[in-house]
Amino acid sequence: MSVEKDKAASSAAALASQWKLESGIGFLLRLLEAKYDGLYQSVTQQTDISPRQFGVLMALIQQGPMTPSALAERISCDRNTISEMLKRMTARRLISKKSHPGDRRSIEVQITAKGTNALMAVVPAAARLQDLMLAPLSQDDRAHFLRCMLVIATSSPPDADT
């Protein structure tokens, strides 16, 4: 092994031995996601609308009909995932698709009456879920925590090579 590789291995070993798993953002995000997913099922007491589908329906109710691309961008979802999700939601008649009025080659997705009813049945529980997730924090800390999460989530990724 070269001297440089020895140093890198030694440095990595030292970093690994000092690493606090509970301080790692990936570890904490997985813990929060697991907690949220578990609470989502128990608080909403339904399995008809997943958290991502909730986001789709909420975006459509707030912004009206959207192209799948605009919807994917709005809820931060890749195009393949949104495509599959929209197929399932269309089959369940939570949403419908129609030709885009400005571009006949494109489609728009809109929420249906069934989708609106399903969403409205879940909204109070979703609000309660957010309160439960943030309950350990003071009101000021809640607002700060959410702002920090938004900044991280919406920032451009730094160059990983530097």
C-alpha atoms as a PDB file:
ATOM      1  CA  MET A   1       0.000   0.000   0.000  1.00  0.00           C
ATOM      2  CA  SER A   2       1.333   3.463  -0.819  1.00  0.00           C
ATOM      3  CA  VAL A   3       2.071   6.084   1.835  1.00  0.00           C
ATOM      4  CA  GLU A   4      -0.886   8.163   0.608  1.00  0.00           C
ATOM      5  CA  LYS A   5      -3.226   5.172   0.874  1.00  0.00           C
ATOM      6  CA  ASP A   6      -1.877   4.408   4.363  1.00  0.00           C
ATOM      7  CA  LYS A   7      -2.609   7.986   5.445  1.00  0.00           C
ATOM      8  CA  ALA A   8      -6.077   7.904   3.911  1.00  0.00           C
ATOM      9  CA  ALA A   9      -6.878   4.573   5.603  1.00  0.00           C
ATOM     10  CA  SER A  10      -5.532   5.822   8.919  1.00  0.00           C
ATOM     11  CA  SER A  11      -7.499   9.045   8.583  1.00  0.00           C
ATOM     12  CA  ALA A  12     -10.672   7.147   7.670  1.00  0.00           C
ATOM     13  CA  ALA A  13     -10.185   4.785  10.624  1.00  0.00           C
ATOM     14  CA  ALA A  14      -9.719   7.725  12.993  1.00  0.00           C
ATOM     15  CA  LEU A  15     -12.812   9.441  11.590  1.00  0.00           C
ATOM     16  CA  ALA A  16     -14.853   6.231  11.885  1.00  0.00           C
ATOM     17  CA  SER A  17     -13.786   5.673  15.498  1.00  0.00           C
ATOM     18  CA  GLN A  18     -14.839   9.206  16.462  1.00  0.00           C
ATOM     19  CA  TRP A  19     -18.036   9.300  14.400  1.00  0.00           C
ATOM     20  CA  LYS A  20     -21.182   9.679  16.481  1.00  0.00           C
ATOM     21  CA  LEU A  21     -23.929   7.843  14.639  1.00  0.00           C
ATOM     22  CA  GLU A  22     -26.607   9.885  16.424  1.00  0.00           C
ATOM     23  CA  SER A  23     -25.047  13.066  14.985  1.00  0.00           C
ATOM     24  CA  GLY A  24     -25.072  11.869  11.385  1.00  0.00           C
ATOM     25  CA  ILE A  25     -27.666  13.575   9.206  1.00  0.00           C
ATOM     26  CA  GLY A  26     -28.391  10.414   7.203  1.00  0.00           C
ATOM     27  CA  PHE A  27     -29.001   8.407  10.362  1.00  0.00           C
ATOM     28  CA  LEU A  28     -31.245  11.121  11.825  1.00  0.00           C
ATOM     29  CA  LEU A  29     -33.213  11.528   8.600  1.00  0.00           C
ATOM     30  CA  ARG A  30     -33.891   7.780   8.506  1.00  0.00           C
ATOM     31  CA  LEU A  31     -35.026   7.882  12.147  1.00  0.00           C
ATOM     32  CA  LEU A  32     -37.363  10.796  11.430  1.00  0.00           C
ATOM     33  CA  GLU A  33     -38.715   9.126   8.299  1.00  0.00           C
ATOM     34  CA  ALA A  34     -39.384   5.873  10.166  1.00  0.00           C
ATOM     35  CA  LYS A  35     -41.103   7.757  12.984  1.00  0.00           C
ATOM     36  CA  TYR A  36     -43.166   9.799  10.519  1.00  0.00           C
ATOM     37  CA  ASP A  37     -44.199   6.740   8.491  1.00  0.00           C
ATOM     38  CA  GLY A  38     -45.281   4.856  11.602  1.00  0.00           C
ATOM     39  CA  LEU A  39     -47.210   7.808  12.972  1.00  0.00           C
ATOM     40  CA  TYR A  40     -48.779   8.565   9.579  1.00  0.00           C
ATOM     41  CA  GLN A  41     -50.450   5.153   9.507  1.00  0.00           C
ATOM     42  CA  SER A  42     -51.612   5.256  13.127  1.00  0.00           C
ATOM     43  CA  VAL A  43     -52.733   8.906  13.198  1.00  0.00           C
ATOM     44  CA  THR A  44     -54.502   8.972   9.821  1.00  0.00           C
ATOM     45  CA  GLN A  45     -55.973   5.499  10.464  1.00  0.00           C
ATOM     46  CA  GLN A  46     -56.077   4.765   6.753  1.00  0.00           C
ATOM     47  CA  THR A  47     -53.959   3.182   4.078  1.00  0.00           C
ATOM     48  CA  ASP A  48     -55.683   4.676   1.030  1.00  0.00           C
ATOM     49  CA  ILE A  49     -53.429   7.726   0.664  1.00  0.00           C
ATOM     50  CA  SER A  50     -49.681   7.423   1.200  1.00  0.00           C
ATOM     51  CA  PRO A  51     -47.670  10.437   2.372  1.00  0.00           C
ATOM     52  CA  ARG A  52     -46.463  11.048  -1.211  1.00  0.00           C
ATOM     53  CA  GLN A  53     -49.985  10.757  -2.587  1.00  0.00           C
ATOM     54  CA  PHE A  54     -51.068  13.233   0.087  1.00  0.00           C
ATOM     55  CA  GLY A  55     -48.476  15.630  -1.353  1.00  0.00           C
ATOM     56  CA  VAL A  56     -49.815  15.128  -4.888  1.00  0.00           C
ATOM     57  CA  LEU A  57     -53.407  15.767  -3.836  1.00  0.00           C
ATOM     58  CA  MET A  58     -52.441  18.764  -1.695  1.00  0.00           C
ATOM     59  CA  ALA A  59     -50.479  20.327  -4.576  1.00  0.00           C
ATOM     60  CA  LEU A  60     -53.415  19.828  -6.939  1.00  0.00           C
ATOM     61  CA  ILE A  61     -55.975  21.230  -4.513  1.00  0.00           C
ATOM     62  CA  GLN A  62     -53.797  24.290  -3.861  1.00  0.00           C
ATOM     63  CA  GLN A  63     -52.519  24.987  -7.376  1.00  0.00           C
ATOM     64  CA  GLY A  64     -55.095  23.410  -9.666  1.00  0.00           C
ATOM     65  CA  PRO A  65     -54.364  21.238 -12.704  1.00  0.00           C
ATOM     66  CA  MET A  66     -50.683  20.708 -13.433  1.00  0.00           C
ATOM     67  CA  THR A  67     -48.549  18.825 -15.914  1.00  0.00           C
ATOM     68  CA  PRO A  68     -46.872  15.730 -14.486  1.00  0.00           C
ATOM     69  CA  SER A  69     -43.494  17.479 -14.838  1.00  0.00           C
ATOM     70  CA  ALA A  70     -44.646  20.525 -12.888  1.00  0.00           C
ATOM     71  CA  LEU A  71     -46.229  18.281 -10.276  1.00  0.00           C
ATOM     72  CA  ALA A  72     -43.044  16.227  -9.926  1.00  0.00           C
ATOM     73  CA  GLU A  73     -41.048  19.407  -9.431  1.00  0.00           C
ATOM     74  CA  ARG A  74     -43.584  20.801  -6.943  1.00  0.00           C
ATOM     75  CA  ILE A  75     -43.428  17.755  -4.677  1.00  0.00           C
ATOM     76  CA  SER A  76     -39.716  17.035  -5.314  1.00  0.00           C
ATOM     77  CA  CYS A  77     -40.272  13.666  -6.924  1.00  0.00           C
ATOM     78  CA  ASP A  78     -38.510  12.104  -9.897  1.00  0.00           C
ATOM     79  CA  ARG A  79     -40.463  11.653 -13.119  1.00  0.00           C
ATOM     80  CA  ASN A  80     -40.505   7.837 -13.051  1.00  0.00           C
ATOM     81  CA  THR A  81     -41.888   7.753  -9.521  1.00  0.00           C
ATOM     82  CA  ILE A  82     -44.534  10.393 -10.259  1.00  0.00           C
ATOM     83  CA  SER A  83     -45.560   8.550 -13.429  1.00  0.00           C
ATOM     84  CA  GLU A  84     -46.171   5.294 -11.570  1.00  0.00           C
ATOM     85  CA  MET A  85     -47.928   7.084  -8.717  1.00  0.00           C
ATOM     86  CA  LEU A  86     -50.219   8.952 -11.127  1.00  0.00           C
ATOM     87  CA  LYS A  87     -51.149   5.673 -12.853  1.00  0.00           C
ATOM     88  CA  ARG A  88     -52.207   4.156  -9.529  1.00  0.00           C
ATOM     89  CA  MET A  89     -54.051   7.309  -8.451  1.00  0.00           C
ATOM     90  CA  THR A  90     -55.857   7.516 -11.813  1.00  0.00           C
ATOM     91  CA  ALA A  91     -56.916   3.864 -11.532  1.00  0.00           C
ATOM     92  CA  ARG A  92     -58.355   4.644  -8.091  1.00  0.00           C
ATOM     93  CA  ARG A  93     -60.055   7.760  -9.528  1.00  0.00           C
ATOM     94  CA  LEU A  94     -58.336  10.125  -7.064  1.00  0.00           C
ATOM     95  CA  ILE A  95     -57.071  12.159 -10.023  1.00  0.00           C
ATOM     96  CA  SER A  96     -57.892  12.448 -13.695  1.00  0.00           C
ATOM     97  CA  LYS A  97     -55.854  13.356 -16.734  1.00  0.00           C
ATOM     98  CA  LYS A  98     -56.895  15.663 -19.556  1.00  0.00           C
ATOM     99  CA  SER A  99     -55.266  17.281 -22.544  1.00  0.00           C
ATOM    100  CA  HIS A 100     -53.305  20.404 -21.704  1.00  0.00           C
ATOM    101  CA  PRO A 101     -55.267  23.380 -23.089  1.00  0.00           C
ATOM    102  CA  GLY A 102     -52.110  25.148 -24.277  1.00  0.00           C
ATOM    103  CA  ASP A 103     -50.365  22.081 -25.722  1.00  0.00           C
ATOM    104  CA  ARG A 104     -52.410  19.144 -27.014  1.00  0.00           C
ATOM    105  CA  ARG A 105     -49.305  16.911 -26.928  1.00  0.00           C
ATOM    106  CA  SER A 106     -49.153  17.287 -23.158  1.00  0.00           C
ATOM    107  CA  ILE A 107     -51.525  16.307 -20.368  1.00  0.00           C
ATOM    108  CA  GLU A 108     -52.628  17.929 -17.154  1.00  0.00           C
ATOM    109  CA  VAL A 109     -53.476  16.137 -13.955  1.00  0.00           C
ATOM    110  CA  GLN A 110     -56.361  17.324 -11.796  1.00  0.00           C
ATOM    111  CA  ILE A 111     -57.885  16.180  -8.544  1.00  0.00           C
ATOM    112  CA  THR A 112     -61.306  14.509  -8.746  1.00  0.00           C
ATOM    113  CA  ALA A 113     -64.212  14.806  -6.333  1.00  0.00           C
ATOM    114  CA  LYS A 114     -63.223  11.399  -4.909  1.00  0.00           C
ATOM    115  CA  GLY A 115     -59.641  12.657  -4.486  1.00  0.00           C
ATOM    116  CA  THR A 116     -60.833  15.839  -2.804  1.00  0.00           C
ATOM    117  CA  ASN A 117     -63.004  13.851  -0.390  1.00  0.00           C
ATOM    118  CA  ALA A 118     -60.159  11.455   0.404  1.00  0.00           C
ATOM    119  CA  LEU A 119     -57.754  14.344   0.980  1.00  0.00           C
ATOM    120  CA  MET A 120     -60.170  16.264   3.208  1.00  0.00           C
ATOM    121  CA  ALA A 121     -60.669  13.131   5.316  1.00  0.00           C
ATOM    122  CA  VAL A 122     -56.895  12.975   5.960  1.00  0.00           C
ATOM    123  CA  VAL A 123     -56.007  16.691   6.351  1.00  0.00           C
ATOM    124  CA  PRO A 124     -56.978  17.024  10.064  1.00  0.00           C
ATOM    125  CA  ALA A 125     -54.938  13.928  10.939  1.00  0.00           C
ATOM    126  CA  ALA A 126     -51.990  15.201   8.872  1.00  0.00           C
ATOM    127  CA  ALA A 127     -52.065  18.478  10.820  1.00  0.00           C
ATOM    128  CA  ARG A 128     -52.157  16.516  14.075  1.00  0.00           C
ATOM    129  CA  LEU A 129     -49.252  14.397  12.847  1.00  0.00           C
ATOM    130  CA  GLN A 130     -47.128  17.479  12.239  1.00  0.00           C
ATOM    131  CA  ASP A 131     -47.930  18.699  15.760  1.00  0.00           C
ATOM    132  CA  LEU A 132     -46.985  15.290  17.200  1.00  0.00           C
ATOM    133  CA  MET A 133     -43.690  15.173  15.303  1.00  0.00           C
ATOM    134  CA  LEU A 134     -42.744  18.673  16.442  1.00  0.00           C
ATOM    135  CA  ALA A 135     -44.129  18.331  20.004  1.00  0.00           C
ATOM    136  CA  PRO A 136     -40.702  17.960  21.680  1.00  0.00           C
ATOM    137  CA  LEU A 137     -39.718  21.428  20.370  1.00  0.00           C
ATOM    138  CA  SER A 138     -40.772  24.871  21.590  1.00  0.00           C
ATOM    139  CA  GLN A 139     -42.755  27.042  19.146  1.00  0.00           C
ATOM    140  CA  ASP A 140     -39.608  29.030  18.302  1.00  0.00           C
ATOM    141  CA  ASP A 141     -37.571  25.864  17.830  1.00  0.00           C
ATOM    142  CA  ARG A 142     -40.290  24.360  15.604  1.00  0.00           C
ATOM    143  CA  ALA A 143     -40.196  27.336  13.244  1.00  0.00           C
ATOM    144  CA  HIS A 144     -36.391  27.353  13.266  1.00  0.00           C
ATOM    145  CA  PHE A 145     -36.182  23.589  12.649  1.00  0.00           C
ATOM    146  CA  LEU A 146     -38.577  23.798   9.688  1.00  0.00           C
ATOM    147  CA  ARG A 147     -36.697  26.777   8.218  1.00  0.00           C
ATOM    148  CA  CYS A 148     -33.390  24.925   8.526  1.00  0.00           C
ATOM    149  CA  MET A 149     -34.836  21.813   6.886  1.00  0.00           C
ATOM    150  CA  LEU A 150     -36.209  23.913   4.015  1.00  0.00           C
ATOM    151  CA  VAL A 151     -32.862  25.654   3.472  1.00  0.00           C
ATOM    152  CA  ILE A 152     -31.031  22.336   3.309  1.00  0.00           C
ATOM    153  CA  ALA A 153     -33.682  20.676   1.131  1.00  0.00           C
ATOM    154  CA  THR A 154     -33.853  23.495  -1.403  1.00  0.00           C
ATOM    155  CA  SER A 155     -30.195  24.456  -1.627  1.00  0.00           C
ATOM    156  CA  SER A 156     -28.083  23.528  -4.619  1.00  0.00           C
ATOM    157  CA  PRO A 157     -25.891  20.538  -3.907  1.00  0.00           C
ATOM    158  CA  PRO A 158     -22.298  21.526  -3.164  1.00  0.00           C
ATOM    159  CA  ASP A 159     -19.551  20.153  -5.351  1.00  0.00           C
ATOM    160  CA  ALA A 160     -18.754  16.787  -3.773  1.00  0.00           C
ATOM    161  CA  ASP A 161     -15.233  16.813  -5.185  1.00  0.00           C
ATOM    162  CA  THR A 162     -14.071  19.801  -3.125  1.00  0.00           C
END
